[in-house]
C-alpha atoms as a PDB file:
ATOM      1  CA  MET A   1     -13.297   6.304  -9.813  1.00  0.00           C
ATOM      2  CA  ILE A   2     -10.472   5.523  -7.377  1.00  0.00           C
ATOM      3  CA  THR A   3      -9.337   8.329  -5.075  1.00  0.00           C
ATOM      4  CA  LEU A   4      -7.343   8.698  -1.893  1.00  0.00           C
ATOM      5  CA  ARG A   5      -8.442  10.924   0.954  1.00  0.00           C
ATOM      6  CA  ASP A   6      -6.518  11.961   4.044  1.00  0.00           C
ATOM      7  CA  LEU A   7      -6.947   9.766   7.092  1.00  0.00           C
ATOM      8  CA  GLN A   8      -9.171  11.399   9.705  1.00  0.00           C
ATOM      9  CA  ALA A   9      -9.750  10.839  13.423  1.00  0.00           C
ATOM     10  CA  GLU A  10     -13.236   9.541  12.587  1.00  0.00           C
ATOM     11  CA  ASP A  11     -11.645   6.589  10.741  1.00  0.00           C
ATOM     12  CA  LYS A  12     -10.262   4.986  13.913  1.00  0.00           C
ATOM     13  CA  ALA A  13     -13.048   2.444  14.531  1.00  0.00           C
ATOM     14  CA  MET A  14     -13.283   1.489  10.859  1.00  0.00           C
ATOM     15  CA  LEU A  15      -9.526   0.858  10.710  1.00  0.00           C
ATOM     16  CA  LEU A  16      -9.589  -1.377  13.784  1.00  0.00           C
ATOM     17  CA  THR A  17     -12.292  -3.452  12.135  1.00  0.00           C
ATOM     18  CA  TRP A  18     -10.329  -3.623   8.891  1.00  0.00           C
ATOM     19  CA  ARG A  19      -7.031  -4.503  10.581  1.00  0.00           C
ATOM     20  CA  ASN A  20      -8.689  -7.471  12.280  1.00  0.00           C
ATOM     21  CA  LEU A  21     -10.391  -8.854   9.170  1.00  0.00           C
ATOM     22  CA  PRO A  22      -8.916 -12.310   8.437  1.00  0.00           C
ATOM     23  CA  ASP A  23      -8.378 -11.408   4.745  1.00  0.00           C
ATOM     24  CA  VAL A  24      -6.340  -8.352   5.784  1.00  0.00           C
ATOM     25  CA  ALA A  25      -4.589  -9.677   8.909  1.00  0.00           C
ATOM     26  CA  ARG A  26      -3.192 -12.751   7.165  1.00  0.00           C
ATOM     27  CA  TYR A  27      -0.917 -10.502   5.072  1.00  0.00           C
ATOM     28  CA  MET A  28       0.198  -8.171   7.872  1.00  0.00           C
ATOM     29  CA  TYR A  29       3.289  -8.651  10.008  1.00  0.00           C
ATOM     30  CA  THR A  30       1.197  -8.982  13.155  1.00  0.00           C
ATOM     31  CA  ASP A  31      -0.314 -12.363  13.902  1.00  0.00           C
ATOM     32  CA  HIS A  32      -2.868 -11.666  16.600  1.00  0.00           C
ATOM     33  CA  HIS A  33      -6.193  -9.944  17.176  1.00  0.00           C
ATOM     34  CA  ILE A  34      -5.437  -6.231  17.581  1.00  0.00           C
ATOM     35  CA  THR A  35      -6.965  -4.957  20.812  1.00  0.00           C
ATOM     36  CA  ASP A  36      -8.556  -1.557  21.374  1.00  0.00           C
ATOM     37  CA  PRO A  37      -5.612  -0.279  23.503  1.00  0.00           C
ATOM     38  CA  GLU A  38      -3.059  -1.530  20.944  1.00  0.00           C
ATOM     39  CA  HIS A  39      -4.995   0.113  18.117  1.00  0.00           C
ATOM     40  CA  GLU A  40      -5.292   3.336  20.123  1.00  0.00           C
ATOM     41  CA  ARG A  41      -1.492   3.466  20.542  1.00  0.00           C
ATOM     42  CA  TRP A  42      -0.952   2.845  16.830  1.00  0.00           C
ATOM     43  CA  PHE A  43      -3.622   5.310  15.730  1.00  0.00           C
ATOM     44  CA  SER A  44      -2.411   8.102  18.004  1.00  0.00           C
ATOM     45  CA  GLY A  45       1.003   7.833  16.315  1.00  0.00           C
ATOM     46  CA  VAL A  46      -0.198   8.185  12.725  1.00  0.00           C
ATOM     47  CA  PHE A  47      -0.771  11.943  12.883  1.00  0.00           C
ATOM     48  CA  GLY A  48       2.123  14.357  13.109  1.00  0.00           C
ATOM     49  CA  ASP A  49       4.887  11.872  12.264  1.00  0.00           C
ATOM     50  CA  PRO A  50       6.749  13.263   9.226  1.00  0.00           C
ATOM     51  CA  THR A  51       8.065   9.793   8.364  1.00  0.00           C
ATOM     52  CA  ARG A  52       4.549   8.381   7.849  1.00  0.00           C
ATOM     53  CA  ARG A  53       1.519   9.369   5.782  1.00  0.00           C
ATOM     54  CA  TYR A  54      -1.862   7.604   5.543  1.00  0.00           C
ATOM     55  CA  TRP A  55      -4.810   7.788   3.167  1.00  0.00           C
ATOM     56  CA  ILE A  56      -8.132   6.007   2.872  1.00  0.00           C
ATOM     57  CA  ILE A  57      -8.740   4.349  -0.503  1.00  0.00           C
ATOM     58  CA  ARG A  58     -12.120   5.226  -1.991  1.00  0.00           C
ATOM     59  CA  ALA A  59     -13.739   3.323  -4.850  1.00  0.00           C
ATOM     60  CA  GLU A  60     -16.967   4.586  -6.372  1.00  0.00           C
ATOM     61  CA  GLY A  61     -17.409   6.936  -3.405  1.00  0.00           C
ATOM     62  CA  GLU A  62     -16.987   4.230  -0.749  1.00  0.00           C
ATOM     63  CA  ASP A  63     -14.123   3.725   1.720  1.00  0.00           C
ATOM     64  CA  VAL A  64     -12.533   0.391   0.777  1.00  0.00           C
ATOM     65  CA  GLY A  65      -8.973   0.299   2.134  1.00  0.00           C
ATOM     66  CA  LEU A  66      -5.852   1.967   3.472  1.00  0.00           C
ATOM     67  CA  VAL A  67      -2.589   3.059   1.872  1.00  0.00           C
ATOM     68  CA  ASN A  68       0.435   4.534   3.573  1.00  0.00           C
ATOM     69  CA  LEU A  69       3.953   5.747   3.071  1.00  0.00           C
ATOM     70  CA  TYR A  70       6.424   5.016   5.854  1.00  0.00           C
ATOM     71  CA  SER A  71      10.128   5.398   6.511  1.00  0.00           C
ATOM     72  CA  ILE A  72       9.880   8.601   4.479  1.00  0.00           C
ATOM     73  CA  SER A  73      13.382   9.993   4.034  1.00  0.00           C
ATOM     74  CA  ASP A  74      13.620  13.366   2.314  1.00  0.00           C
ATOM     75  CA  GLN A  75      17.391  13.207   2.723  1.00  0.00           C
ATOM     76  CA  ASN A  76      17.685   9.886   0.892  1.00  0.00           C
ATOM     77  CA  LYS A  77      14.724  10.584  -1.430  1.00  0.00           C
ATOM     78  CA  ARG A  78      13.046   7.270  -0.712  1.00  0.00           C
ATOM     79  CA  CYS A  79      10.217   5.719   1.254  1.00  0.00           C
ATOM     80  CA  HIS A  80       8.334   2.474   1.736  1.00  0.00           C
ATOM     81  CA  TRP A  81       4.676   1.920   1.089  1.00  0.00           C
ATOM     82  CA  ALA A  82       1.930  -0.550   1.844  1.00  0.00           C
ATOM     83  CA  PHE A  83      -1.768  -0.888   1.171  1.00  0.00           C
ATOM     84  CA  TYR A  84      -4.707  -3.174   1.581  1.00  0.00           C
ATOM     85  CA  VAL A  85      -8.186  -3.354   0.138  1.00  0.00           C
ATOM     86  CA  ALA A  86     -10.433  -4.319   3.048  1.00  0.00           C
ATOM     87  CA  ASN A  87     -13.725  -4.473   1.168  1.00  0.00           C
ATOM     88  CA  PRO A  88     -13.881  -7.830  -0.654  1.00  0.00           C
ATOM     89  CA  ASN A  89     -16.298  -6.348  -3.223  1.00  0.00           C
ATOM     90  CA  ALA A  90     -13.556  -3.938  -4.359  1.00  0.00           C
ATOM     91  CA  ARG A  91     -10.909  -6.633  -4.923  1.00  0.00           C
ATOM     92  CA  GLY A  92     -10.004  -7.851  -8.386  1.00  0.00           C
ATOM     93  CA  LYS A  93     -11.398  -4.733 -10.055  1.00  0.00           C
ATOM     94  CA  GLY A  94      -8.226  -2.730 -10.655  1.00  0.00           C
ATOM     95  CA  VAL A  95      -8.252  -0.864  -7.344  1.00  0.00           C
ATOM     96  CA  GLY A  96      -4.762  -2.084  -6.402  1.00  0.00           C
ATOM     97  CA  THR A  97      -3.285  -1.085  -9.752  1.00  0.00           C
ATOM     98  CA  ALA A  98      -4.920   2.356  -9.559  1.00  0.00           C
ATOM     99  CA  VAL A  99      -3.633   2.870  -6.017  1.00  0.00           C
ATOM    100  CA  GLU A 100      -0.141   1.768  -7.056  1.00  0.00           C
ATOM    101  CA  TYR A 101      -0.212   4.249  -9.954  1.00  0.00           C
ATOM    102  CA  ILE A 102      -1.435   7.105  -7.717  1.00  0.00           C
ATOM    103  CA  VAL A 103       1.232   6.380  -5.090  1.00  0.00           C
ATOM    104  CA  MET A 104       4.076   6.109  -7.607  1.00  0.00           C
ATOM    105  CA  LYS A 105       2.989   9.317  -9.318  1.00  0.00           C
ATOM    106  CA  HIS A 106       2.907  11.073  -5.926  1.00  0.00           C
ATOM    107  CA  VAL A 107       6.273   9.712  -4.767  1.00  0.00           C
ATOM    108  CA  PHE A 108       8.180  10.297  -8.002  1.00  0.00           C
ATOM    109  CA  GLU A 109       6.492  13.315  -9.570  1.00  0.00           C
ATOM    110  CA  GLU A 110       5.192  15.303  -6.619  1.00  0.00           C
ATOM    111  CA  ARG A 111       7.732  14.459  -3.911  1.00  0.00           C
ATOM    112  CA  GLY A 112      10.645  14.107  -6.339  1.00  0.00           C
ATOM    113  CA  PHE A 113      11.901  10.896  -4.724  1.00  0.00           C
ATOM    114  CA  ASN A 114      14.309   8.447  -6.361  1.00  0.00           C
ATOM    115  CA  LYS A 115      13.093   5.153  -4.868  1.00  0.00           C
ATOM    116  CA  LEU A 116       9.887   3.522  -3.621  1.00  0.00           C
ATOM    117  CA  CYS A 117      10.206   0.299  -1.601  1.00  0.00           C
ATOM    118  CA  CYS A 118       7.826  -2.283  -0.212  1.00  0.00           C
ATOM    119  CA  GLU A 119       7.886  -5.561   1.681  1.00  0.00           C
ATOM    120  CA  VAL A 120       5.464  -8.398   0.977  1.00  0.00           C
ATOM    121  CA  LEU A 121       5.036 -11.738   2.694  1.00  0.00           C
ATOM    122  CA  ALA A 122       6.354 -14.366   0.281  1.00  0.00           C
ATOM    123  CA  SER A 123       3.148 -16.312   0.864  1.00  0.00           C
ATOM    124  CA  ASN A 124       1.257 -13.410  -0.766  1.00  0.00           C
ATOM    125  CA  GLU A 125       2.367 -14.375  -4.272  1.00  0.00           C
ATOM    126  CA  PRO A 126      -0.408 -12.466  -6.102  1.00  0.00           C
ATOM    127  CA  VAL A 127       0.738  -9.150  -4.591  1.00  0.00           C
ATOM    128  CA  VAL A 128       4.406  -9.889  -5.314  1.00  0.00           C
ATOM    129  CA  ARG A 129       3.458 -10.552  -8.960  1.00  0.00           C
ATOM    130  CA  HIS A 130       1.296  -7.402  -8.975  1.00  0.00           C
ATOM    131  CA  HIS A 131       4.227  -5.216  -7.879  1.00  0.00           C
ATOM    132  CA  LEU A 132       6.506  -6.843 -10.473  1.00  0.00           C
ATOM    133  CA  ARG A 133       3.948  -6.096 -13.227  1.00  0.00           C
ATOM    134  CA  CYS A 134       3.956  -2.470 -12.045  1.00  0.00           C
ATOM    135  CA  GLY A 135       7.714  -2.177 -12.554  1.00  0.00           C
ATOM    136  CA  PHE A 136       9.052  -3.096  -9.129  1.00  0.00           C
ATOM    137  CA  ARG A 137      12.084  -5.360  -8.936  1.00  0.00           C
ATOM    138  CA  GLU A 138      12.894  -7.872  -6.265  1.00  0.00           C
ATOM    139  CA  GLU A 139      15.859  -6.569  -4.280  1.00  0.00           C
ATOM    140  CA  GLY A 140      16.076  -9.278  -1.700  1.00  0.00           C
ATOM    141  CA  ARG A 141      14.423 -11.765   0.558  1.00  0.00           C
ATOM    142  CA  PHE A 142      14.331 -11.680   4.339  1.00  0.00           C
ATOM    143  CA  ARG A 143      14.384 -15.368   5.170  1.00  0.00           C
ATOM    144  CA  GLN A 144      12.016 -16.618   7.884  1.00  0.00           C
ATOM    145  CA  HIS A 145      11.385 -12.984   8.792  1.00  0.00           C
ATOM    146  CA  VAL A 146       7.830 -13.154  10.172  1.00  0.00           C
ATOM    147  CA  ILE A 147       5.990 -15.792  12.178  1.00  0.00           C
ATOM    148  CA  LYS A 148       2.445 -16.357  10.905  1.00  0.00           C
ATOM    149  CA  ASP A 149       0.280 -19.119  12.353  1.00  0.00           C
ATOM    150  CA  GLY A 150       3.394 -20.599  13.957  1.00  0.00           C
ATOM    151  CA  GLN A 151       5.273 -20.772  10.648  1.00  0.00           C
ATOM    152  CA  ALA A 152       8.352 -18.728   9.724  1.00  0.00           C
ATOM    153  CA  ILE A 153       7.565 -16.839   6.515  1.00  0.00           C
ATOM    154  CA  ASP A 154       9.978 -15.136   4.129  1.00  0.00           C
ATOM    155  CA  VAL A 155       9.451 -11.498   3.189  1.00  0.00           C
ATOM    156  CA  VAL A 156      10.177 -10.250  -0.327  1.00  0.00           C
ATOM    157  CA  ALA A 157      11.806  -6.809  -0.573  1.00  0.00           C
ATOM    158  CA  LEU A 158      10.835  -4.938  -3.737  1.00  0.00           C
ATOM    159  CA  ALA A 159      11.578  -1.467  -5.074  1.00  0.00           C
ATOM    160  CA  ILE A 160      11.243   0.737  -8.118  1.00  0.00           C
ATOM    161  CA  LEU A 161      13.496   3.646  -9.084  1.00  0.00           C
ATOM    162  CA  VAL A 162      12.313   6.879 -10.658  1.00  0.00           C
ATOM    163  CA  ALA A 163      14.002   5.998 -13.980  1.00  0.00           C
ATOM    164  CA  GLU A 164      12.131   2.678 -14.025  1.00  0.00           C
ATOM    165  CA  TRP A 165       8.882   4.500 -13.212  1.00  0.00           C
ATOM    166  CA  GLN A 166       9.465   6.867 -16.124  1.00  0.00           C
ATOM    167  CA  GLY A 167       9.844   3.865 -18.409  1.00  0.00           C
ATOM    168  CA  ILE A 168       6.635   2.126 -17.303  1.00  0.00           C
ATOM    169  CA  ARG A 169       4.429   5.054 -16.268  1.00  0.00           C
ATOM    170  CA  ARG A 170       2.415   5.292 -19.494  1.00  0.00           C
ATOM    171  CA  GLU A 171       1.864   1.524 -19.601  1.00  0.00           C
ATOM    172  CA  ILE A 172       0.469   1.499 -16.063  1.00  0.00           C
ATOM    173  CA  GLU A 173      -1.641   4.578 -16.742  1.00  0.00           C
ATOM    174  CA  ALA A 174      -3.121   2.882 -19.825  1.00  0.00           C
ATOM    175  CA  ARG A 175      -3.794  -0.279 -17.807  1.00  0.00           C
ATOM    176  CA  VAL A 176      -5.608   1.737 -15.122  1.00  0.00           C
ATOM    177  CA  GLN A 177      -7.682   3.606 -17.703  1.00  0.00           C
ATOM    178  CA  LYS A 178      -8.609   0.348 -19.437  1.00  0.00           C
ATOM    179  CA  MET A 179      -9.630  -1.326 -16.156  1.00  0.00           C
ATOM    180  CA  LEU A 180     -11.490   1.620 -14.684  1.00  0.00           C
ATOM    181  CA  GLY A 181     -12.490   3.634 -17.720  1.00  0.00           C
ATOM    182  CA  HIS A 182     -11.104   7.007 -18.788  1.00  0.00           C
ATOM    183  CA  GLY A 183     -10.251   9.216 -15.808  1.00  0.00           C
ATOM    184  CA  GLY A 184     -10.522   6.251 -13.457  1.00  0.00           C
ATOM    185  CA  SER A 185      -8.136   7.530 -10.827  1.00  0.00           C
ATOM    186  CA  GLU A 186      -6.975  10.777  -9.321  1.00  0.00           C
ATOM    187  CA  SER A 187      -3.762  11.817  -7.682  1.00  0.00           C
ATOM    188  CA  ILE A 188      -3.294  12.399  -3.992  1.00  0.00           C
END
């Protein structure tokens, strides 16, 4: 069972640990060890900002990652999203697909938005392919947009529209149910 729970103040230390894991940090925009004061500034800004929303990903009753919406625009009916699975034991088991389904269902069916966007480092080809399989389309490429390990890396801009979601929703739902078993995920 994959669920999302609201981020809580008690999650601060766990998130700092996760954000500094090499397998997580290599796909983030930042390219340095995140310090306690830096994390404190970031964490204090996550609550009460109507343009951002965070949840903890839970798999089989265990906290395994983070998902968020950002640049939420009710006026333009769109937002961006990002996620990571920090627990290596939860990777490759359908968690990402379930989270993507839950987020798209929330954005399009509960919030009534028209567009969901994301940005992925071009070097993270598996996640780019994952989003494409879930109905996202590449909308652009920010060339040499992020410096990682001294190298300029492109960023792929992807998005899915509500009409596209409506066309692929049942396919993704079936994929999630097949990977995780019937009733394998819940909405936000």
